[in-house]
């Protein structure tokens, strides 16, 4: 059998340490992960403003229609 220095070594009881495997896996994943850039805060205010303007326009039109129908 090939010698693997990164393989978990048996503990004093003769069992392998699962936490050691997890720590090595996390180190491997973190090592290959590129540095993440900070996302800009809230840049999606453009569509929100459009939706608000559309709702206001619908309310104004419905108000005008109701005023003409009842007036």
C-alpha atoms as a PDB file:
ATOM      1  CA  UNK A   1       0.000   0.000   0.000  1.00  0.00           C
ATOM      2  CA  UNK A   2       1.281   3.487  -0.870  1.00  0.00           C
ATOM      3  CA  UNK A   3       2.231   5.828   1.930  1.00  0.00           C
ATOM      4  CA  UNK A   4       0.001   8.915   2.074  1.00  0.00           C
ATOM      5  CA  UNK A   5       1.223  11.504   4.602  1.00  0.00           C
ATOM      6  CA  UNK A   6      -2.049  13.472   4.283  1.00  0.00           C
ATOM      7  CA  UNK A   7      -4.278  10.537   5.198  1.00  0.00           C
ATOM      8  CA  UNK A   8      -5.789  10.588   8.683  1.00  0.00           C
ATOM      9  CA  UNK A   9      -3.660   8.661  11.128  1.00  0.00           C
ATOM     10  CA  UNK A  10      -5.252   6.232  13.564  1.00  0.00           C
ATOM     11  CA  UNK A  11      -5.749   7.634  17.044  1.00  0.00           C
ATOM     12  CA  UNK A  12      -4.758   5.967  20.296  1.00  0.00           C
ATOM     13  CA  UNK A  13      -7.799   3.663  20.096  1.00  0.00           C
ATOM     14  CA  UNK A  14      -6.894   2.551  16.585  1.00  0.00           C
ATOM     15  CA  UNK A  15      -9.698   4.493  14.890  1.00  0.00           C
ATOM     16  CA  UNK A  16      -9.297   7.302  12.392  1.00  0.00           C
ATOM     17  CA  UNK A  17     -10.121  10.869  13.352  1.00  0.00           C
ATOM     18  CA  UNK A  18     -13.092  12.094  11.253  1.00  0.00           C
ATOM     19  CA  UNK A  19     -12.523  15.686  12.394  1.00  0.00           C
ATOM     20  CA  UNK A  20      -9.037  15.571  10.898  1.00  0.00           C
ATOM     21  CA  UNK A  21     -10.472  14.564   7.544  1.00  0.00           C
ATOM     22  CA  UNK A  22     -13.001  17.367   7.712  1.00  0.00           C
ATOM     23  CA  UNK A  23     -10.336  19.907   8.592  1.00  0.00           C
ATOM     24  CA  UNK A  24      -8.156  18.786   5.696  1.00  0.00           C
ATOM     25  CA  UNK A  25     -11.121  18.958   3.307  1.00  0.00           C
ATOM     26  CA  UNK A  26     -12.015  22.482   4.437  1.00  0.00           C
ATOM     27  CA  UNK A  27      -8.408  23.584   4.053  1.00  0.00           C
ATOM     28  CA  UNK A  28      -8.388  22.135   0.521  1.00  0.00           C
ATOM     29  CA  UNK A  29     -11.642  23.885  -0.421  1.00  0.00           C
ATOM     30  CA  UNK A  30     -10.554  27.209   1.083  1.00  0.00           C
ATOM     31  CA  UNK A  31      -7.193  26.986  -0.680  1.00  0.00           C
ATOM     32  CA  UNK A  32      -8.719  26.687  -4.160  1.00  0.00           C
ATOM     33  CA  UNK A  33     -11.350  29.355  -3.649  1.00  0.00           C
ATOM     34  CA  UNK A  34     -10.629  32.698  -5.366  1.00  0.00           C
ATOM     35  CA  UNK A  35     -10.889  35.848  -3.308  1.00  0.00           C
ATOM     36  CA  UNK A  36     -14.438  37.154  -3.437  1.00  0.00           C
ATOM     37  CA  UNK A  37     -15.016  40.793  -4.166  1.00  0.00           C
ATOM     38  CA  UNK A  38     -17.421  42.781  -2.045  1.00  0.00           C
ATOM     39  CA  UNK A  39     -20.793  43.148  -3.725  1.00  0.00           C
ATOM     40  CA  UNK A  40     -22.058  46.709  -4.165  1.00  0.00           C
ATOM     41  CA  UNK A  41     -24.747  47.553  -1.617  1.00  0.00           C
ATOM     42  CA  UNK A  42     -28.146  48.172  -3.227  1.00  0.00           C
ATOM     43  CA  UNK A  43     -27.830  48.845  -6.945  1.00  0.00           C
ATOM     44  CA  UNK A  44     -31.276  47.516  -7.858  1.00  0.00           C
ATOM     45  CA  UNK A  45     -33.129  50.720  -6.967  1.00  0.00           C
ATOM     46  CA  UNK A  46     -33.780  51.428 -10.684  1.00  0.00           C
ATOM     47  CA  UNK A  47     -36.441  48.744 -11.230  1.00  0.00           C
ATOM     48  CA  UNK A  48     -37.995  49.492  -7.829  1.00  0.00           C
ATOM     49  CA  UNK A  49     -38.495  53.147  -8.812  1.00  0.00           C
ATOM     50  CA  UNK A  50     -40.159  52.024 -12.060  1.00  0.00           C
ATOM     51  CA  UNK A  51     -42.579  49.739 -10.226  1.00  0.00           C
ATOM     52  CA  UNK A  52     -43.520  52.490  -7.770  1.00  0.00           C
ATOM     53  CA  UNK A  53     -44.085  54.940 -10.622  1.00  0.00           C
ATOM     54  CA  UNK A  54     -46.286  52.403 -12.446  1.00  0.00           C
ATOM     55  CA  UNK A  55     -48.406  51.795  -9.331  1.00  0.00           C
ATOM     56  CA  UNK A  56     -48.851  55.536  -8.801  1.00  0.00           C
ATOM     57  CA  UNK A  57     -49.845  55.957 -12.464  1.00  0.00           C
ATOM     58  CA  UNK A  58     -52.424  53.154 -12.196  1.00  0.00           C
ATOM     59  CA  UNK A  59     -53.911  54.712  -9.050  1.00  0.00           C
ATOM     60  CA  UNK A  60     -54.140  58.120 -10.757  1.00  0.00           C
ATOM     61  CA  UNK A  61     -55.800  56.626 -13.860  1.00  0.00           C
ATOM     62  CA  UNK A  62     -58.297  54.646 -11.778  1.00  0.00           C
ATOM     63  CA  UNK A  63     -59.057  57.762  -9.741  1.00  0.00           C
ATOM     64  CA  UNK A  64     -59.644  59.775 -12.908  1.00  0.00           C
ATOM     65  CA  UNK A  65     -61.922  57.081 -14.355  1.00  0.00           C
ATOM     66  CA  UNK A  66     -63.899  56.886 -11.105  1.00  0.00           C
ATOM     67  CA  UNK A  67     -64.185  60.704 -10.956  1.00  0.00           C
ATOM     68  CA  UNK A  68     -65.466  60.851 -14.559  1.00  0.00           C
ATOM     69  CA  UNK A  69     -67.901  57.952 -14.031  1.00  0.00           C
ATOM     70  CA  UNK A  70     -69.366  59.354 -10.811  1.00  0.00           C
ATOM     71  CA  UNK A  71     -69.168  63.048 -11.688  1.00  0.00           C
END
